[in-house]
């Protein structure tokens, strides 16, 4: 299994990833910064974003990592 460090994530910098969540029957897609903390990725959402509001209401999701650009077509 490839480690998060081998994928390019760091505890010193934020990496930009695309987050896709199902919300109310629709899909919410948004870039978000993540940083490595131990063996986990921690995300930061700006307070002024719709995502921050949804997270405050208890929305949870998952982050999938791929190098295949066809996943975004």
PDB file of N, CA and C in Angstrom:
ATOM      1  N   UNK A   1       0.846  -1.183   0.000  1.00  0.00           N
ATOM      2  CA  UNK A   1       0.000   0.000   0.000  1.00  0.00           C
ATOM      3  C   UNK A   1       0.888   1.241   0.000  1.00  0.00           C
ATOM      4  N   UNK A   2       0.545   2.218  -0.819  1.00  0.00           N
ATOM      5  CA  UNK A   2       1.306   3.463  -0.918  1.00  0.00           C
ATOM      6  C   UNK A   2       0.961   4.378   0.256  1.00  0.00           C
ATOM      7  N   UNK A   3       1.980   4.971   0.869  1.00  0.00           N
ATOM      8  CA  UNK A   3       1.734   5.864   2.013  1.00  0.00           C
ATOM      9  C   UNK A   3       1.329   7.247   1.517  1.00  0.00           C
ATOM     10  N   UNK A   4       0.741   8.028   2.407  1.00  0.00           N
ATOM     11  CA  UNK A   4       0.353   9.393   2.063  1.00  0.00           C
ATOM     12  C   UNK A   4       1.571  10.252   1.737  1.00  0.00           C
ATOM     13  N   UNK A   5       2.691  10.003   2.414  1.00  0.00           N
ATOM     14  CA  UNK A   5       3.933  10.735   2.116  1.00  0.00           C
ATOM     15  C   UNK A   5       4.394  10.413   0.701  1.00  0.00           C
ATOM     16  N   UNK A   6       4.330   9.143   0.326  1.00  0.00           N
ATOM     17  CA  UNK A   6       4.717   8.744  -1.030  1.00  0.00           C
ATOM     18  C   UNK A   6       3.808   9.362  -2.090  1.00  0.00           C
ATOM     19  N   UNK A   7       2.564   9.663  -1.725  1.00  0.00           N
ATOM     20  CA  UNK A   7       1.637  10.323  -2.638  1.00  0.00           C
ATOM     21  C   UNK A   7       1.880  11.828  -2.725  1.00  0.00           C
ATOM     22  N   UNK A   8       2.770  12.351  -1.871  1.00  0.00           N
ATOM     23  CA  UNK A   8       3.126  13.768  -1.945  1.00  0.00           C
ATOM     24  C   UNK A   8       2.538  14.649  -0.861  1.00  0.00           C
ATOM     25  N   UNK A   9       1.829  14.061   0.100  1.00  0.00           N
ATOM     26  CA  UNK A   9       1.266  14.856   1.187  1.00  0.00           C
ATOM     27  C   UNK A   9       2.338  15.118   2.237  1.00  0.00           C
ATOM     28  N   UNK A  10       2.231  16.284   2.908  1.00  0.00           N
ATOM     29  CA  UNK A  10       3.254  16.708   3.858  1.00  0.00           C
ATOM     30  C   UNK A  10       2.603  17.294   5.104  1.00  0.00           C
ATOM     31  N   UNK A  11       3.325  17.212   6.236  1.00  0.00           N
ATOM     32  CA  UNK A  11       2.841  17.856   7.460  1.00  0.00           C
ATOM     33  C   UNK A  11       3.191  19.337   7.476  1.00  0.00           C
ATOM     34  N   UNK A  12       4.032  19.772   6.538  1.00  0.00           N
ATOM     35  CA  UNK A  12       4.488  21.162   6.512  1.00  0.00           C
ATOM     36  C   UNK A  12       3.684  22.059   5.584  1.00  0.00           C
ATOM     37  N   UNK A  13       3.019  21.475   4.590  1.00  0.00           N
ATOM     38  CA  UNK A  13       2.279  22.283   3.607  1.00  0.00           C
ATOM     39  C   UNK A  13       0.896  21.696   3.369  1.00  0.00           C
ATOM     40  N   UNK A  14       0.017  22.543   2.862  1.00  0.00           N
ATOM     41  CA  UNK A  14      -1.316  22.094   2.469  1.00  0.00           C
ATOM     42  C   UNK A  14      -1.280  21.662   1.016  1.00  0.00           C
ATOM     43  N   UNK A  15      -1.984  20.599   0.700  1.00  0.00           N
ATOM     44  CA  UNK A  15      -2.143  20.126  -0.674  1.00  0.00           C
ATOM     45  C   UNK A  15      -3.593  20.343  -1.072  1.00  0.00           C
ATOM     46  N   UNK A  16      -3.814  20.762  -2.302  1.00  0.00           N
ATOM     47  CA  UNK A  16      -5.167  21.003  -2.795  1.00  0.00           C
ATOM     48  C   UNK A  16      -5.740  19.718  -3.360  1.00  0.00           C
ATOM     49  N   UNK A  17      -6.921  19.365  -2.924  1.00  0.00           N
ATOM     50  CA  UNK A  17      -7.612  18.180  -3.420  1.00  0.00           C
ATOM     51  C   UNK A  17      -9.043  18.581  -3.766  1.00  0.00           C
ATOM     52  N   UNK A  18      -9.738  17.731  -4.499  1.00  0.00           N
ATOM     53  CA  UNK A  18     -11.132  17.981  -4.853  1.00  0.00           C
ATOM     54  C   UNK A  18     -12.004  17.084  -3.988  1.00  0.00           C
ATOM     55  N   UNK A  19     -12.958  17.693  -3.314  1.00  0.00           N
ATOM     56  CA  UNK A  19     -13.866  16.986  -2.421  1.00  0.00           C
ATOM     57  C   UNK A  19     -15.238  16.931  -3.083  1.00  0.00           C
ATOM     58  N   UNK A  20     -15.833  15.762  -3.159  1.00  0.00           N
ATOM     59  CA  UNK A  20     -17.178  15.602  -3.720  1.00  0.00           C
ATOM     60  C   UNK A  20     -18.070  14.963  -2.658  1.00  0.00           C
ATOM     61  N   UNK A  21     -19.184  15.623  -2.373  1.00  0.00           N
ATOM     62  CA  UNK A  21     -20.109  15.144  -1.348  1.00  0.00           C
ATOM     63  C   UNK A  21     -21.519  15.103  -1.902  1.00  0.00           C
ATOM     64  N   UNK A  22     -22.304  14.140  -1.461  1.00  0.00           N
ATOM     65  CA  UNK A  22     -23.720  14.119  -1.809  1.00  0.00           C
ATOM     66  C   UNK A  22     -24.468  14.933  -0.760  1.00  0.00           C
ATOM     67  N   UNK A  23     -25.191  15.928  -1.234  1.00  0.00           N
ATOM     68  CA  UNK A  23     -25.903  16.824  -0.332  1.00  0.00           C
ATOM     69  C   UNK A  23     -27.332  17.009  -0.839  1.00  0.00           C
ATOM     70  N   UNK A  24     -28.280  16.574  -0.055  1.00  0.00           N
ATOM     71  CA  UNK A  24     -29.685  16.786  -0.394  1.00  0.00           C
ATOM     72  C   UNK A  24     -30.067  16.300  -1.777  1.00  0.00           C
ATOM     73  N   UNK A  25     -29.578  15.158  -2.198  1.00  0.00           N
ATOM     74  CA  UNK A  25     -29.909  14.613  -3.508  1.00  0.00           C
ATOM     75  C   UNK A  25     -29.053  15.150  -4.631  1.00  0.00           C
ATOM     76  N   UNK A  26     -28.189  16.116  -4.348  1.00  0.00           N
ATOM     77  CA  UNK A  26     -27.288  16.666  -5.349  1.00  0.00           C
ATOM     78  C   UNK A  26     -25.846  16.412  -4.966  1.00  0.00           C
ATOM     79  N   UNK A  27     -24.947  16.918  -5.784  1.00  0.00           N
ATOM     80  CA  UNK A  27     -23.524  16.741  -5.528  1.00  0.00           C
ATOM     81  C   UNK A  27     -22.875  18.100  -5.321  1.00  0.00           C
ATOM     82  N   UNK A  28     -22.073  18.221  -4.294  1.00  0.00           N
ATOM     83  CA  UNK A  28     -21.321  19.441  -4.000  1.00  0.00           C
ATOM     84  C   UNK A  28     -19.844  19.120  -4.219  1.00  0.00           C
ATOM     85  N   UNK A  29     -19.217  19.810  -5.168  1.00  0.00           N
ATOM     86  CA  UNK A  29     -17.806  19.587  -5.484  1.00  0.00           C
ATOM     87  C   UNK A  29     -17.048  20.866  -5.169  1.00  0.00           C
ATOM     88  N   UNK A  30     -15.936  20.724  -4.446  1.00  0.00           N
ATOM     89  CA  UNK A  30     -15.183  21.903  -4.031  1.00  0.00           C
ATOM     90  C   UNK A  30     -13.734  21.541  -3.772  1.00  0.00           C
ATOM     91  N   UNK A  31     -12.812  22.414  -4.200  1.00  0.00           N
ATOM     92  CA  UNK A  31     -11.417  22.192  -3.814  1.00  0.00           C
ATOM     93  C   UNK A  31     -11.249  22.491  -2.333  1.00  0.00           C
ATOM     94  N   UNK A  32     -10.358  21.765  -1.695  1.00  0.00           N
ATOM     95  CA  UNK A  32     -10.095  21.987  -0.270  1.00  0.00           C
ATOM     96  C   UNK A  32      -8.639  21.628   0.024  1.00  0.00           C
ATOM     97  N   UNK A  33      -8.043  22.341   0.943  1.00  0.00           N
ATOM     98  CA  UNK A  33      -6.662  22.080   1.332  1.00  0.00           C
ATOM     99  C   UNK A  33      -6.593  21.045   2.439  1.00  0.00           C
ATOM    100  N   UNK A  34      -5.657  20.112   2.312  1.00  0.00           N
ATOM    101  CA  UNK A  34      -5.452  19.105   3.349  1.00  0.00           C
ATOM    102  C   UNK A  34      -3.980  19.067   3.732  1.00  0.00           C
ATOM    103  N   UNK A  35      -3.726  18.714   4.973  1.00  0.00           N
ATOM    104  CA  UNK A  35      -2.353  18.594   5.476  1.00  0.00           C
ATOM    105  C   UNK A  35      -2.226  17.280   6.228  1.00  0.00           C
ATOM    106  N   UNK A  36      -1.062  16.672   6.098  1.00  0.00           N
ATOM    107  CA  UNK A  36      -0.785  15.392   6.742  1.00  0.00           C
ATOM    108  C   UNK A  36      -0.568  15.598   8.245  1.00  0.00           C
ATOM    109  N   UNK A  37      -1.240  14.767   9.041  1.00  0.00           N
ATOM    110  CA  UNK A  37      -1.067  14.785  10.488  1.00  0.00           C
ATOM    111  C   UNK A  37      -1.015  13.335  10.944  1.00  0.00           C
ATOM    112  N   UNK A  38       0.202  12.837  11.174  1.00  0.00           N
ATOM    113  CA  UNK A  38       0.358  11.419  11.491  1.00  0.00           C
ATOM    114  C   UNK A  38       0.041  10.597  10.260  1.00  0.00           C
ATOM    115  N   UNK A  39      -0.963   9.723  10.375  1.00  0.00           N
ATOM    116  CA  UNK A  39      -1.378   8.934   9.211  1.00  0.00           C
ATOM    117  C   UNK A  39      -2.752   9.371   8.705  1.00  0.00           C
ATOM    118  N   UNK A  40      -3.148  10.601   9.050  1.00  0.00           N
ATOM    119  CA  UNK A  40      -4.442  11.141   8.633  1.00  0.00           C
ATOM    120  C   UNK A  40      -4.251  12.438   7.861  1.00  0.00           C
ATOM    121  N   UNK A  41      -5.235  12.780   7.024  1.00  0.00           N
ATOM    122  CA  UNK A  41      -5.261  14.067   6.346  1.00  0.00           C
ATOM    123  C   UNK A  41      -6.287  14.956   7.044  1.00  0.00           C
ATOM    124  N   UNK A  42      -5.884  16.157   7.372  1.00  0.00           N
ATOM    125  CA  UNK A  42      -6.777  17.122   8.012  1.00  0.00           C
ATOM    126  C   UNK A  42      -7.150  18.183   6.998  1.00  0.00           C
ATOM    127  N   UNK A  43      -8.441  18.456   6.866  1.00  0.00           N
ATOM    128  CA  UNK A  43      -8.944  19.442   5.914  1.00  0.00           C
ATOM    129  C   UNK A  43      -9.271  20.743   6.637  1.00  0.00           C
ATOM    130  N   UNK A  44      -9.114  21.843   5.896  1.00  0.00           N
ATOM    131  CA  UNK A  44      -9.471  23.158   6.433  1.00  0.00           C
ATOM    132  C   UNK A  44     -10.459  23.818   5.484  1.00  0.00           C
ATOM    133  N   UNK A  45     -11.568  24.254   5.994  1.00  0.00           N
ATOM    134  CA  UNK A  45     -12.574  24.948   5.183  1.00  0.00           C
ATOM    135  C   UNK A  45     -12.686  26.388   5.677  1.00  0.00           C
ATOM    136  N   UNK A  46     -12.735  27.340   4.756  1.00  0.00           N
ATOM    137  CA  UNK A  46     -12.907  28.747   5.127  1.00  0.00           C
ATOM    138  C   UNK A  46     -14.306  28.966   5.677  1.00  0.00           C
ATOM    139  N   UNK A  47     -14.421  29.784   6.699  1.00  0.00           N
ATOM    140  CA  UNK A  47     -15.723  30.040   7.332  1.00  0.00           C
ATOM    141  C   UNK A  47     -16.731  30.652   6.367  1.00  0.00           C
ATOM    142  N   UNK A  48     -16.266  31.365   5.374  1.00  0.00           N
ATOM    143  CA  UNK A  48     -17.171  32.042   4.445  1.00  0.00           C
ATOM    144  C   UNK A  48     -17.721  31.114   3.355  1.00  0.00           C
ATOM    145  N   UNK A  49     -17.360  29.826   3.367  1.00  0.00           N
ATOM    146  CA  UNK A  49     -17.796  28.923   2.298  1.00  0.00           C
ATOM    147  C   UNK A  49     -19.048  28.139   2.673  1.00  0.00           C
ATOM    148  N   UNK A  50     -19.730  27.685   1.641  1.00  0.00           N
ATOM    149  CA  UNK A  50     -20.912  26.842   1.845  1.00  0.00           C
ATOM    150  C   UNK A  50     -20.509  25.536   2.530  1.00  0.00           C
ATOM    151  N   UNK A  51     -19.347  25.003   2.167  1.00  0.00           N
ATOM    152  CA  UNK A  51     -18.874  23.757   2.766  1.00  0.00           C
ATOM    153  C   UNK A  51     -18.731  23.896   4.276  1.00  0.00           C
ATOM    154  N   UNK A  52     -18.183  24.999   4.743  1.00  0.00           N
ATOM    155  CA  UNK A  52     -18.007  25.211   6.183  1.00  0.00           C
ATOM    156  C   UNK A  52     -19.364  25.139   6.893  1.00  0.00           C
ATOM    157  N   UNK A  53     -20.368  25.780   6.302  1.00  0.00           N
ATOM    158  CA  UNK A  53     -21.708  25.741   6.886  1.00  0.00           C
ATOM    159  C   UNK A  53     -22.263  24.334   6.954  1.00  0.00           C
ATOM    160  N   UNK A  54     -22.033  23.554   5.890  1.00  0.00           N
ATOM    161  CA  UNK A  54     -22.523  22.174   5.880  1.00  0.00           C
ATOM    162  C   UNK A  54     -21.786  21.330   6.910  1.00  0.00           C
ATOM    163  N   UNK A  55     -20.487  21.550   7.065  1.00  0.00           N
ATOM    164  CA  UNK A  55     -19.723  20.795   8.060  1.00  0.00           C
ATOM    165  C   UNK A  55     -20.172  21.142   9.476  1.00  0.00           C
ATOM    166  N   UNK A  56     -20.491  22.406   9.714  1.00  0.00           N
ATOM    167  CA  UNK A  56     -20.970  22.819  11.039  1.00  0.00           C
ATOM    168  C   UNK A  56     -22.286  22.128  11.379  1.00  0.00           C
ATOM    169  N   UNK A  57     -23.073  21.800  10.345  1.00  0.00           N
ATOM    170  CA  UNK A  57     -24.349  21.113  10.568  1.00  0.00           C
ATOM    171  C   UNK A  57     -24.160  19.615  10.749  1.00  0.00           C
ATOM    172  N   UNK A  58     -22.936  19.122  10.628  1.00  0.00           N
ATOM    173  CA  UNK A  58     -22.662  17.714  10.870  1.00  0.00           C
ATOM    174  C   UNK A  58     -22.435  16.878   9.627  1.00  0.00           C
ATOM    175  N   UNK A  59     -22.348  17.504   8.451  1.00  0.00           N
ATOM    176  CA  UNK A  59     -22.087  16.750   7.224  1.00  0.00           C
ATOM    177  C   UNK A  59     -20.716  16.090   7.297  1.00  0.00           C
ATOM    178  N   UNK A  60     -20.660  14.835   6.929  1.00  0.00           N
ATOM    179  CA  UNK A  60     -19.397  14.099   6.905  1.00  0.00           C
ATOM    180  C   UNK A  60     -19.227  13.486   5.530  1.00  0.00           C
ATOM    181  N   UNK A  61     -17.992  13.233   5.148  1.00  0.00           N
ATOM    182  CA  UNK A  61     -17.741  12.637   3.846  1.00  0.00           C
ATOM    183  C   UNK A  61     -16.411  11.917   3.849  1.00  0.00           C
ATOM    184  N   UNK A  62     -15.981  11.535   2.677  1.00  0.00           N
ATOM    185  CA  UNK A  62     -14.696  10.871   2.539  1.00  0.00           C
ATOM    186  C   UNK A  62     -13.931  11.497   1.388  1.00  0.00           C
ATOM    187  N   UNK A  63     -12.651  11.281   1.396  1.00  0.00           N
ATOM    188  CA  UNK A  63     -11.758  11.827   0.382  1.00  0.00           C
ATOM    189  C   UNK A  63     -11.115  10.661  -0.352  1.00  0.00           C
ATOM    190  N   UNK A  64     -11.232  10.650  -1.666  1.00  0.00           N
ATOM    191  CA  UNK A  64     -10.636   9.600  -2.481  1.00  0.00           C
ATOM    192  C   UNK A  64      -9.484  10.194  -3.273  1.00  0.00           C
ATOM    193  N   UNK A  65      -8.378   9.486  -3.322  1.00  0.00           N
ATOM    194  CA  UNK A  65      -7.177   9.976  -3.985  1.00  0.00           C
ATOM    195  C   UNK A  65      -6.948   9.182  -5.257  1.00  0.00           C
ATOM    196  N   UNK A  66      -6.738   9.888  -6.382  1.00  0.00           N
ATOM    197  CA  UNK A  66      -6.466   9.231  -7.647  1.00  0.00           C
ATOM    198  C   UNK A  66      -5.510  10.080  -8.478  1.00  0.00           C
ATOM    199  N   UNK A  67      -4.717   9.425  -9.292  1.00  0.00           N
ATOM    200  CA  UNK A  67      -3.876  10.114 -10.273  1.00  0.00           C
ATOM    201  C   UNK A  67      -4.495  10.037 -11.656  1.00  0.00           C
ATOM    202  N   UNK A  68      -5.659   9.418 -11.771  1.00  0.00           N
ATOM    203  CA  UNK A  68      -6.310   9.220 -13.053  1.00  0.00           C
ATOM    204  C   UNK A  68      -7.282  10.375 -13.335  1.00  0.00           C
ATOM    205  N   UNK A  69      -6.954  11.260 -14.276  1.00  0.00           N
ATOM    206  CA  UNK A  69      -7.820  12.419 -14.535  1.00  0.00           C
ATOM    207  C   UNK A  69      -9.191  12.040 -15.079  1.00  0.00           C
ATOM    208  N   UNK A  70      -9.350  10.814 -15.561  1.00  0.00           N
ATOM    209  CA  UNK A  70     -10.648  10.389 -16.092  1.00  0.00           C
ATOM    210  C   UNK A  70     -11.715  10.358 -14.993  1.00  0.00           C
ATOM    211  N   UNK A  71     -11.303  10.335 -13.753  1.00  0.00           N
ATOM    212  CA  UNK A  71     -12.275  10.341 -12.654  1.00  0.00           C
ATOM    213  C   UNK A  71     -13.070  11.644 -12.612  1.00  0.00           C
ATOM    214  N   UNK A  72     -12.552  12.697 -13.261  1.00  0.00           N
ATOM    215  CA  UNK A  72     -13.212  14.003 -13.214  1.00  0.00           C
ATOM    216  C   UNK A  72     -13.951  14.340 -14.495  1.00  0.00           C
ATOM    217  N   UNK A  73     -14.081  13.379 -15.398  1.00  0.00           N
ATOM    218  CA  UNK A  73     -14.802  13.618 -16.649  1.00  0.00           C
ATOM    219  C   UNK A  73     -16.277  13.401 -16.489  1.00  0.00           C
TER     220      UNK A  73
END
